[in-house]
Amino acid sequence: DLLIKDLEGIRRKSDYRHSHEPWSEGERTAWKKAVAAINGCRGIK
């Protein structure tokens, strides 16, 4: 749920109306963590 919140922050701040808002530390890495959460680490089947 916390990861989803950060992903939603990325979506919001990718909108030109909110693009001036700084990204949080969690938002900077959330998109990569989301890939690992669903698929596992790179190279792991």
All heavy atoms as atom14 arrays in JSON, in Angstrom:
{
  "sequence": "DLLIKDLEGIRRKSDYRHSHEPWSEGERTAWKKAVAAINGCRGIK",
  "atom14_mask": [
    [1, 1, 1, 1, 1, 1, 1, 1, 0, 0, 0, 0, 0, 0],
    [1, 1, 1, 1, 1, 1, 1, 1, 0, 0, 0, 0, 0, 0],
    [1, 1, 1, 1, 1, 1, 1, 1, 0, 0, 0, 0, 0, 0],
    [1, 1, 1, 1, 1, 1, 1, 1, 0, 0, 0, 0, 0, 0],
    [1, 1, 1, 1, 1, 1, 1, 1, 1, 0, 0, 0, 0, 0],
    [1, 1, 1, 1, 1, 1, 1, 1, 0, 0, 0, 0, 0, 0],
    [1, 1, 1, 1, 1, 1, 1, 1, 0, 0, 0, 0, 0, 0],
    [1, 1, 1, 1, 1, 1, 1, 1, 1, 0, 0, 0, 0, 0],
    [1, 1, 1, 1, 0, 0, 0, 0, 0, 0, 0, 0, 0, 0],
    [1, 1, 1, 1, 1, 1, 1, 1, 0, 0, 0, 0, 0, 0],
    [1, 1, 1, 1, 1, 1, 1, 1, 1, 1, 1, 0, 0, 0],
    [1, 1, 1, 1, 1, 1, 1, 1, 1, 1, 1, 0, 0, 0],
    [1, 1, 1, 1, 1, 1, 1, 1, 1, 0, 0, 0, 0, 0],
    [1, 1, 1, 1, 1, 1, 0, 0, 0, 0, 0, 0, 0, 0],
    [1, 1, 1, 1, 1, 1, 1, 1, 0, 0, 0, 0, 0, 0],
    [1, 1, 1, 1, 1, 1, 1, 1, 1, 1, 1, 1, 0, 0],
    [1, 1, 1, 1, 1, 1, 1, 1, 1, 1, 1, 0, 0, 0],
    [1, 1, 1, 1, 1, 1, 1, 1, 1, 1, 0, 0, 0, 0],
    [1, 1, 1, 1, 1, 1, 0, 0, 0, 0, 0, 0, 0, 0],
    [1, 1, 1, 1, 1, 1, 1, 1, 1, 1, 0, 0, 0, 0],
    [1, 1, 1, 1, 1, 1, 1, 1, 1, 0, 0, 0, 0, 0],
    [1, 1, 1, 1, 1, 1, 1, 0, 0, 0, 0, 0, 0, 0],
    [1, 1, 1, 1, 1, 1, 1, 1, 1, 1, 1, 1, 1, 1],
    [1, 1, 1, 1, 1, 1, 0, 0, 0, 0, 0, 0, 0, 0],
    [1, 1, 1, 1, 1, 1, 1, 1, 1, 0, 0, 0, 0, 0],
    [1, 1, 1, 1, 0, 0, 0, 0, 0, 0, 0, 0, 0, 0],
    [1, 1, 1, 1, 1, 1, 1, 1, 1, 0, 0, 0, 0, 0],
    [1, 1, 1, 1, 1, 1, 1, 1, 1, 1, 1, 0, 0, 0],
    [1, 1, 1, 1, 1, 1, 1, 0, 0, 0, 0, 0, 0, 0],
    [1, 1, 1, 1, 1, 0, 0, 0, 0, 0, 0, 0, 0, 0],
    [1, 1, 1, 1, 1, 1, 1, 1, 1, 1, 1, 1, 1, 1],
    [1, 1, 1, 1, 1, 1, 1, 1, 1, 0, 0, 0, 0, 0],
    [1, 1, 1, 1, 1, 1, 1, 1, 1, 0, 0, 0, 0, 0],
    [1, 1, 1, 1, 1, 0, 0, 0, 0, 0, 0, 0, 0, 0],
    [1, 1, 1, 1, 1, 1, 1, 0, 0, 0, 0, 0, 0, 0],
    [1, 1, 1, 1, 1, 0, 0, 0, 0, 0, 0, 0, 0, 0],
    [1, 1, 1, 1, 1, 0, 0, 0, 0, 0, 0, 0, 0, 0],
    [1, 1, 1, 1, 1, 1, 1, 1, 0, 0, 0, 0, 0, 0],
    [1, 1, 1, 1, 1, 1, 1, 1, 0, 0, 0, 0, 0, 0],
    [1, 1, 1, 1, 0, 0, 0, 0, 0, 0, 0, 0, 0, 0],
    [1, 1, 1, 1, 1, 1, 0, 0, 0, 0, 0, 0, 0, 0],
    [1, 1, 1, 1, 1, 1, 1, 1, 1, 1, 1, 0, 0, 0],
    [1, 1, 1, 1, 0, 0, 0, 0, 0, 0, 0, 0, 0, 0],
    [1, 1, 1, 1, 1, 1, 1, 1, 0, 0, 0, 0, 0, 0],
    [1, 1, 1, 1, 1, 1, 1, 1, 1, 0, 0, 0, 0, 0]
  ],
  "atom14_positions": [
    [[0.83, -1.21, 0.0], [0.0, 0.0, 0.0], [0.86, 1.26, 0.0], [0.54, 2.24, -0.68], [-0.93, 0.01, 1.22], [-2.06, -1.01, 1.11], [-2.32, -1.48, -0.02], [-2.66, -1.34, 2.15], [0.0, 0.0, 0.0], [0.0, 0.0, 0.0], [0.0, 0.0, 0.0], [0.0, 0.0, 0.0], [0.0, 0.0, 0.0], [0.0, 0.0, 0.0]],
    [[1.96, 1.23, 0.77], [2.87, 2.38, 0.78], [3.52, 2.56, -0.59], [3.73, 3.7, -1.04], [3.94, 2.18, 1.86], [3.46, 2.26, 3.31], [4.59, 1.88, 4.27], [2.94, 3.67, 3.63], [0.0, 0.0, 0.0], [0.0, 0.0, 0.0], [0.0, 0.0, 0.0], [0.0, 0.0, 0.0], [0.0, 0.0, 0.0], [0.0, 0.0, 0.0]],
    [[3.82, 1.45, -1.22], [4.42, 1.51, -2.55], [3.43, 2.08, -3.56], [3.79, 2.91, -4.41], [4.85, 0.1, -2.97], [5.72, -0.05, -4.23], [6.95, 0.83, -4.16], [6.11, -1.51, -4.4], [0.0, 0.0, 0.0], [0.0, 0.0, 0.0], [0.0, 0.0, 0.0], [0.0, 0.0, 0.0], [0.0, 0.0, 0.0], [0.0, 0.0, 0.0]],
    [[2.17, 1.66, -3.44], [1.12, 2.2, -4.32], [1.0, 3.71, -4.13], [0.84, 4.47, -5.1], [-0.23, 1.52, -4.03], [-0.19, 0.06, -4.48], [-1.38, 2.25, -4.72], [-1.36, -0.77, -3.98], [0.0, 0.0, 0.0], [0.0, 0.0, 0.0], [0.0, 0.0, 0.0], [0.0, 0.0, 0.0], [0.0, 0.0, 0.0], [0.0, 0.0, 0.0]],
    [[1.1, 4.16, -2.88], [1.01, 5.6, -2.59], [2.12, 6.37, -3.32], [1.89, 7.45, -3.89], [1.1, 5.84, -1.08], [0.95, 7.29, -0.68], [0.99, 7.44, 0.84], [0.86, 8.91, 1.24], [0.93, 9.08, 2.72], [0.0, 0.0, 0.0], [0.0, 0.0, 0.0], [0.0, 0.0, 0.0], [0.0, 0.0, 0.0], [0.0, 0.0, 0.0]],
    [[3.32, 5.81, -3.29], [4.43, 6.46, -3.98], [4.23, 6.43, -5.5], [4.57, 7.39, -6.2], [5.76, 5.78, -3.62], [6.23, 6.14, -2.22], [5.9, 7.25, -1.75], [6.92, 5.32, -1.59], [0.0, 0.0, 0.0], [0.0, 0.0, 0.0], [0.0, 0.0, 0.0], [0.0, 0.0, 0.0], [0.0, 0.0, 0.0], [0.0, 0.0, 0.0]],
    [[3.68, 5.33, -6.02], [3.41, 5.26, -7.46], [2.36, 6.29, -7.87], [2.47, 6.91, -8.94], [2.94, 3.85, -7.83], [3.98, 2.72, -7.68], [3.33, 1.37, -7.89], [5.14, 2.91, -8.64], [0.0, 0.0, 0.0], [0.0, 0.0, 0.0], [0.0, 0.0, 0.0], [0.0, 0.0, 0.0], [0.0, 0.0, 0.0], [0.0, 0.0, 0.0]],
    [[1.39, 6.47, -7.02], [0.37, 7.49, -7.3], [0.98, 8.89, -7.27], [0.57, 9.77, -8.03], [-0.76, 7.38, -6.28], [-1.62, 6.13, -6.47], [-2.65, 5.94, -5.38], [-2.53, 6.6, -4.32], [-3.58, 5.11, -5.57], [0.0, 0.0, 0.0], [0.0, 0.0, 0.0], [0.0, 0.0, 0.0], [0.0, 0.0, 0.0], [0.0, 0.0, 0.0]],
    [[1.99, 9.07, -6.39], [2.7, 10.35, -6.36], [3.44, 10.6, -7.66], [3.46, 11.73, -8.17], [0.0, 0.0, 0.0], [0.0, 0.0, 0.0], [0.0, 0.0, 0.0], [0.0, 0.0, 0.0], [0.0, 0.0, 0.0], [0.0, 0.0, 0.0], [0.0, 0.0, 0.0], [0.0, 0.0, 0.0], [0.0, 0.0, 0.0], [0.0, 0.0, 0.0]],
    [[4.04, 9.54, -8.23], [4.73, 9.67, -9.51], [3.73, 10.07, -10.6], [4.0, 10.95, -11.42], [5.42, 8.34, -9.89], [6.57, 8.04, -8.92], [5.95, 8.41, -11.33], [7.21, 6.69, -9.12], [0.0, 0.0, 0.0], [0.0, 0.0, 0.0], [0.0, 0.0, 0.0], [0.0, 0.0, 0.0], [0.0, 0.0, 0.0], [0.0, 0.0, 0.0]],
    [[2.59, 9.41, -10.6], [1.57, 9.72, -11.61], [1.11, 11.17, -11.48], [0.96, 11.88, -12.48], [0.39, 8.76, -11.46], [0.74, 7.32, -11.77], [-0.38, 6.36, -11.45], [-1.55, 6.59, -12.29], [-2.66, 5.85, -12.22], [-2.74, 4.86, -11.33], [-3.67, 6.11, -13.01], [0.0, 0.0, 0.0], [0.0, 0.0, 0.0], [0.0, 0.0, 0.0]],
    [[0.9, 11.6, -10.25], [0.44, 12.97, -10.02], [1.48, 13.99, -10.5], [1.14, 14.95, -11.21], [0.16, 13.17, -8.52], [-0.12, 14.63, -8.13], [-0.24, 14.77, -6.61], [-0.18, 16.18, -6.22], [-1.22, 17.0, -6.25], [-2.41, 16.56, -6.66], [-1.09, 18.26, -5.87], [0.0, 0.0, 0.0], [0.0, 0.0, 0.0], [0.0, 0.0, 0.0]],
    [[2.73, 13.75, -10.13], [3.77, 14.74, -10.43], [4.27, 14.66, -11.87], [5.07, 15.5, -12.31], [4.92, 14.58, -9.43], [4.48, 14.95, -8.02], [5.48, 14.56, -6.95], [4.89, 14.83, -5.56], [5.8, 14.41, -4.47], [0.0, 0.0, 0.0], [0.0, 0.0, 0.0], [0.0, 0.0, 0.0], [0.0, 0.0, 0.0], [0.0, 0.0, 0.0]],
    [[3.79, 13.65, -12.6], [4.08, 13.58, -14.02], [3.08, 14.41, -14.83], [3.28, 14.62, -16.03], [4.06, 12.12, -14.49], [5.1, 11.39, -13.87], [0.0, 0.0, 0.0], [0.0, 0.0, 0.0], [0.0, 0.0, 0.0], [0.0, 0.0, 0.0], [0.0, 0.0, 0.0], [0.0, 0.0, 0.0], [0.0, 0.0, 0.0], [0.0, 0.0, 0.0]],
    [[2.02, 14.84, -14.17], [1.04, 15.75, -14.77], [1.63, 17.17, -14.73], [2.13, 17.62, -13.7], [-0.26, 15.69, -13.96], [-1.39, 16.51, -14.55], [-1.11, 17.61, -15.06], [-2.54, 16.05, -14.5], [0.0, 0.0, 0.0], [0.0, 0.0, 0.0], [0.0, 0.0, 0.0], [0.0, 0.0, 0.0], [0.0, 0.0, 0.0], [0.0, 0.0, 0.0]],
    [[1.57, 17.86, -15.86], [2.2, 19.19, -15.94], [1.69, 20.15, -14.87], [2.41, 21.07, -14.44], [1.98, 19.79, -17.33], [0.58, 20.33, -17.58], [0.27, 21.67, -17.37], [-0.43, 19.48, -18.02], [-1.01, 22.16, -17.59], [-1.72, 19.96, -18.24], [-2.0, 21.3, -18.03], [-3.27, 21.77, -18.23], [0.0, 0.0, 0.0], [0.0, 0.0, 0.0]],
    [[0.46, 19.92, -14.4], [-0.09, 20.82, -13.39], [0.6, 20.67, -12.03], [0.54, 21.58, -11.19], [-1.6, 20.56, -13.22], [-2.43, 20.94, -14.44], [-3.85, 20.45, -14.32], [-3.9, 18.98, -14.29], [-5.03, 18.27, -14.18], [-6.2, 18.9, -14.07], [-4.99, 16.95, -14.18], [0.0, 0.0, 0.0], [0.0, 0.0, 0.0], [0.0, 0.0, 0.0]],
    [[1.24, 19.53, -11.81], [1.9, 19.27, -10.52], [3.39, 18.99, -10.69], [4.05, 18.54, -9.75], [1.23, 18.1, -9.81], [-0.26, 18.23, -9.69], [-0.86, 19.11, -8.83], [-1.27, 17.61, -10.36], [-2.18, 19.03, -8.94], [-2.45, 18.14, -9.87], [0.0, 0.0, 0.0], [0.0, 0.0, 0.0], [0.0, 0.0, 0.0], [0.0, 0.0, 0.0]],
    [[3.91, 19.22, -11.91], [5.3, 18.85, -12.19], [6.31, 19.67, -11.4], [7.48, 19.28, -11.28], [5.58, 19.01, -13.69], [5.37, 20.35, -14.09], [0.0, 0.0, 0.0], [0.0, 0.0, 0.0], [0.0, 0.0, 0.0], [0.0, 0.0, 0.0], [0.0, 0.0, 0.0], [0.0, 0.0, 0.0], [0.0, 0.0, 0.0], [0.0, 0.0, 0.0]],
    [[5.87, 20.77, -10.82], [6.78, 21.6, -10.02], [7.02, 21.02, -8.63], [7.95, 21.42, -7.93], [6.19, 23.02, -9.87], [4.89, 23.04, -9.12], [3.69, 22.69, -9.7], [4.61, 23.36, -7.82], [2.72, 22.8, -8.79], [3.27, 23.21, -7.64], [0.0, 0.0, 0.0], [0.0, 0.0, 0.0], [0.0, 0.0, 0.0], [0.0, 0.0, 0.0]],
    [[6.17, 20.06, -8.22], [6.29, 19.48, -6.88], [7.49, 18.52, -6.84], [7.65, 17.69, -7.73], [5.01, 18.73, -6.51], [3.78, 19.61, -6.45], [2.51, 18.82, -6.17], [2.63, 17.64, -5.77], [1.4, 19.37, -6.36], [0.0, 0.0, 0.0], [0.0, 0.0, 0.0], [0.0, 0.0, 0.0], [0.0, 0.0, 0.0], [0.0, 0.0, 0.0]],
    [[8.33, 18.62, -5.83], [9.49, 17.73, -5.74], [9.07, 16.28, -5.44], [8.07, 16.05, -4.75], [10.29, 18.31, -4.58], [9.29, 19.02, -3.74], [8.26, 19.56, -4.69], [0.0, 0.0, 0.0], [0.0, 0.0, 0.0], [0.0, 0.0, 0.0], [0.0, 0.0, 0.0], [0.0, 0.0, 0.0], [0.0, 0.0, 0.0], [0.0, 0.0, 0.0]],
    [[9.82, 15.35, -5.98], [9.55, 13.93, -5.72], [10.12, 13.56, -4.34], [11.2, 14.0, -3.96], [10.22, 13.06, -6.77], [9.51, 13.06, -8.11], [8.78, 14.08, -8.64], [9.51, 12.01, -9.06], [8.31, 13.72, -9.88], [8.73, 12.45, -10.16], [10.07, 10.74, -9.1], [8.52, 11.66, -11.29], [9.85, 9.94, -10.23], [9.08, 10.4, -11.3]],
    [[9.39, 12.73, -3.63], [9.87, 12.24, -2.34], [10.92, 11.17, -2.58], [11.08, 10.64, -3.69], [8.72, 11.65, -1.53], [8.26, 10.45, -2.13], [0.0, 0.0, 0.0], [0.0, 0.0, 0.0], [0.0, 0.0, 0.0], [0.0, 0.0, 0.0], [0.0, 0.0, 0.0], [0.0, 0.0, 0.0], [0.0, 0.0, 0.0], [0.0, 0.0, 0.0]],
    [[11.63, 10.82, -1.52], [12.65, 9.77, -1.63], [12.01, 8.45, -2.08], [12.57, 7.73, -2.91], [13.35, 9.58, -0.28], [14.48, 8.57, -0.32], [15.22, 8.47, 1.0], [15.03, 9.35, 1.86], [15.98, 7.5, 1.17], [0.0, 0.0, 0.0], [0.0, 0.0, 0.0], [0.0, 0.0, 0.0], [0.0, 0.0, 0.0], [0.0, 0.0, 0.0]],
    [[10.82, 8.15, -1.53], [10.14, 6.91, -1.91], [9.71, 6.9, -3.36], [9.8, 5.87, -4.04], [0.0, 0.0, 0.0], [0.0, 0.0, 0.0], [0.0, 0.0, 0.0], [0.0, 0.0, 0.0], [0.0, 0.0, 0.0], [0.0, 0.0, 0.0], [0.0, 0.0, 0.0], [0.0, 0.0, 0.0], [0.0, 0.0, 0.0], [0.0, 0.0, 0.0]],
    [[9.27, 8.05, -3.85], [8.82, 8.14, -5.24], [9.96, 7.94, -6.23], [9.75, 7.43, -7.33], [8.14, 9.5, -5.47], [6.78, 9.6, -4.78], [6.28, 11.04, -4.68], [7.05, 11.98, -4.99], [5.12, 11.21, -4.27], [0.0, 0.0, 0.0], [0.0, 0.0, 0.0], [0.0, 0.0, 0.0], [0.0, 0.0, 0.0], [0.0, 0.0, 0.0]],
    [[11.16, 8.32, -5.84], [12.3, 8.19, -6.75], [12.62, 6.73, -7.07], [13.18, 6.43, -8.14], [13.54, 8.86, -6.14], [13.44, 10.38, -6.04], [14.76, 11.01, -5.68], [14.63, 12.43, -5.4], [14.55, 12.94, -4.18], [14.62, 12.15, -3.12], [14.43, 14.25, -4.01], [0.0, 0.0, 0.0], [0.0, 0.0, 0.0], [0.0, 0.0, 0.0]],
    [[12.3, 5.84, -6.16], [12.64, 4.42, -6.37], [11.42, 3.52, -6.49], [11.57, 2.33, -6.77], [13.51, 3.91, -5.2], [12.79, 4.09, -3.96], [14.83, 4.67, -5.13], [0.0, 0.0, 0.0], [0.0, 0.0, 0.0], [0.0, 0.0, 0.0], [0.0, 0.0, 0.0], [0.0, 0.0, 0.0], [0.0, 0.0, 0.0], [0.0, 0.0, 0.0]],
    [[10.23, 4.06, -6.3], [9.02, 3.22, -6.24], [8.78, 2.43, -7.51], [8.36, 1.26, -7.46], [7.8, 4.09, -5.93], [0.0, 0.0, 0.0], [0.0, 0.0, 0.0], [0.0, 0.0, 0.0], [0.0, 0.0, 0.0], [0.0, 0.0, 0.0], [0.0, 0.0, 0.0], [0.0, 0.0, 0.0], [0.0, 0.0, 0.0], [0.0, 0.0, 0.0]],
    [[9.04, 3.03, -8.66], [8.77, 2.34, -9.92], [9.66, 1.11, -10.1], [9.24, 0.09, -10.63], [8.92, 3.3, -11.11], [10.25, 3.97, -11.22], [10.78, 4.91, -10.39], [11.22, 3.75, -12.24], [12.02, 5.31, -10.82], [12.32, 4.62, -11.96], [11.27, 2.92, -13.36], [13.45, 4.66, -12.76], [12.41, 2.98, -14.16], [13.48, 3.83, -13.85]],
    [[10.9, 1.2, -9.59], [11.81, 0.06, -9.66], [11.41, -1.01, -8.62], [11.45, -2.21, -8.91], [13.25, 0.5, -9.42], [13.79, 1.42, -10.51], [15.22, 1.83, -10.23], [15.77, 2.74, -11.32], [17.16, 3.16, -11.03], [0.0, 0.0, 0.0], [0.0, 0.0, 0.0], [0.0, 0.0, 0.0], [0.0, 0.0, 0.0], [0.0, 0.0, 0.0]],
    [[11.03, -0.55, -7.43], [10.61, -1.5, -6.39], [9.33, -2.22, -6.79], [9.13, -3.39, -6.43], [10.4, -0.76, -5.07], [11.69, -0.29, -4.42], [11.42, 0.39, -3.08], [12.71, 0.82, -2.41], [12.47, 1.51, -1.12], [0.0, 0.0, 0.0], [0.0, 0.0, 0.0], [0.0, 0.0, 0.0], [0.0, 0.0, 0.0], [0.0, 0.0, 0.0]],
    [[8.46, -1.54, -7.53], [7.21, -2.17, -7.97], [7.5, -3.33, -8.92], [6.85, -4.39, -8.86], [6.32, -1.14, -8.65], [0.0, 0.0, 0.0], [0.0, 0.0, 0.0], [0.0, 0.0, 0.0], [0.0, 0.0, 0.0], [0.0, 0.0, 0.0], [0.0, 0.0, 0.0], [0.0, 0.0, 0.0], [0.0, 0.0, 0.0], [0.0, 0.0, 0.0]],
    [[8.47, -3.13, -9.81], [8.86, -4.21, -10.73], [9.37, -5.42, -9.94], [9.0, -6.57, -10.2], [9.93, -3.73, -11.72], [10.46, -4.9, -12.56], [9.36, -2.65, -12.64], [0.0, 0.0, 0.0], [0.0, 0.0, 0.0], [0.0, 0.0, 0.0], [0.0, 0.0, 0.0], [0.0, 0.0, 0.0], [0.0, 0.0, 0.0], [0.0, 0.0, 0.0]],
    [[10.23, -5.15, -8.93], [10.78, -6.23, -8.12], [9.69, -6.91, -7.27], [9.72, -8.12, -7.07], [11.88, -5.7, -7.21], [0.0, 0.0, 0.0], [0.0, 0.0, 0.0], [0.0, 0.0, 0.0], [0.0, 0.0, 0.0], [0.0, 0.0, 0.0], [0.0, 0.0, 0.0], [0.0, 0.0, 0.0], [0.0, 0.0, 0.0], [0.0, 0.0, 0.0]],
    [[8.72, -6.13, -6.8], [7.65, -6.69, -5.97], [6.8, -7.67, -6.76], [6.37, -8.71, -6.24], [6.77, -5.58, -5.42], [0.0, 0.0, 0.0], [0.0, 0.0, 0.0], [0.0, 0.0, 0.0], [0.0, 0.0, 0.0], [0.0, 0.0, 0.0], [0.0, 0.0, 0.0], [0.0, 0.0, 0.0], [0.0, 0.0, 0.0], [0.0, 0.0, 0.0]],
    [[6.55, -7.38, -8.02], [5.72, -8.25, -8.84], [6.53, -9.36, -9.51], [6.09, -10.51, -9.59], [4.97, -7.43, -9.92], [4.0, -6.45, -9.26], [4.23, -8.36, -10.88], [2.89, -7.1, -8.46], [0.0, 0.0, 0.0], [0.0, 0.0, 0.0], [0.0, 0.0, 0.0], [0.0, 0.0, 0.0], [0.0, 0.0, 0.0], [0.0, 0.0, 0.0]],
    [[7.74, -9.05, -9.94], [8.52, -10.0, -10.75], [9.7, -10.64, -10.03], [10.31, -11.55, -10.57], [9.05, -9.28, -12.0], [7.93, -8.74, -12.85], [7.25, -9.49, -13.53], [7.73, -7.44, -12.81], [0.0, 0.0, 0.0], [0.0, 0.0, 0.0], [0.0, 0.0, 0.0], [0.0, 0.0, 0.0], [0.0, 0.0, 0.0], [0.0, 0.0, 0.0]],
    [[10.02, -10.16, -8.83], [11.23, -10.64, -8.17], [12.44, -9.87, -8.66], [12.35, -9.03, -9.55], [0.0, 0.0, 0.0], [0.0, 0.0, 0.0], [0.0, 0.0, 0.0], [0.0, 0.0, 0.0], [0.0, 0.0, 0.0], [0.0, 0.0, 0.0], [0.0, 0.0, 0.0], [0.0, 0.0, 0.0], [0.0, 0.0, 0.0], [0.0, 0.0, 0.0]],
    [[13.6, -10.16, -8.09], [14.82, -9.46, -8.47], [15.26, -9.83, -9.88], [14.9, -10.89, -10.39], [15.96, -9.8, -7.5], [15.71, -9.15, -5.84], [0.0, 0.0, 0.0], [0.0, 0.0, 0.0], [0.0, 0.0, 0.0], [0.0, 0.0, 0.0], [0.0, 0.0, 0.0], [0.0, 0.0, 0.0], [0.0, 0.0, 0.0], [0.0, 0.0, 0.0]],
    [[16.04, -8.96, -10.49], [16.57, -9.21, -11.83], [17.33, -10.53, -11.87], [18.16, -10.81, -11.01], [17.49, -8.06, -12.24], [18.09, -8.19, -13.63], [18.95, -6.98, -13.95], [19.53, -7.06, -15.27], [20.7, -7.64, -15.54], [21.42, -8.18, -14.55], [21.17, -7.67, -16.77], [0.0, 0.0, 0.0], [0.0, 0.0, 0.0], [0.0, 0.0, 0.0]],
    [[17.05, -11.32, -12.9], [17.76, -12.58, -13.09], [17.16, -13.75, -12.32], [17.62, -14.88, -12.46], [0.0, 0.0, 0.0], [0.0, 0.0, 0.0], [0.0, 0.0, 0.0], [0.0, 0.0, 0.0], [0.0, 0.0, 0.0], [0.0, 0.0, 0.0], [0.0, 0.0, 0.0], [0.0, 0.0, 0.0], [0.0, 0.0, 0.0], [0.0, 0.0, 0.0]],
    [[16.11, -13.49, -11.49], [15.47, -14.55, -10.73], [14.18, -14.94, -11.43], [13.34, -14.1, -11.69], [15.15, -14.08, -9.3], [16.45, -13.67, -8.59], [14.42, -15.16, -8.53], [17.46, -14.78, -8.45], [0.0, 0.0, 0.0], [0.0, 0.0, 0.0], [0.0, 0.0, 0.0], [0.0, 0.0, 0.0], [0.0, 0.0, 0.0], [0.0, 0.0, 0.0]],
    [[14.07, -16.2, -11.74], [12.86, -16.66, -12.46], [11.83, -17.15, -11.47], [12.13, -17.86, -10.55], [13.22, -17.78, -13.43], [14.14, -17.31, -14.55], [14.33, -18.41, -15.56], [15.17, -17.91, -16.72], [15.35, -18.94, -17.74], [0.0, 0.0, 0.0], [0.0, 0.0, 0.0], [0.0, 0.0, 0.0], [0.0, 0.0, 0.0], [0.0, 0.0, 0.0]]
  ]
}
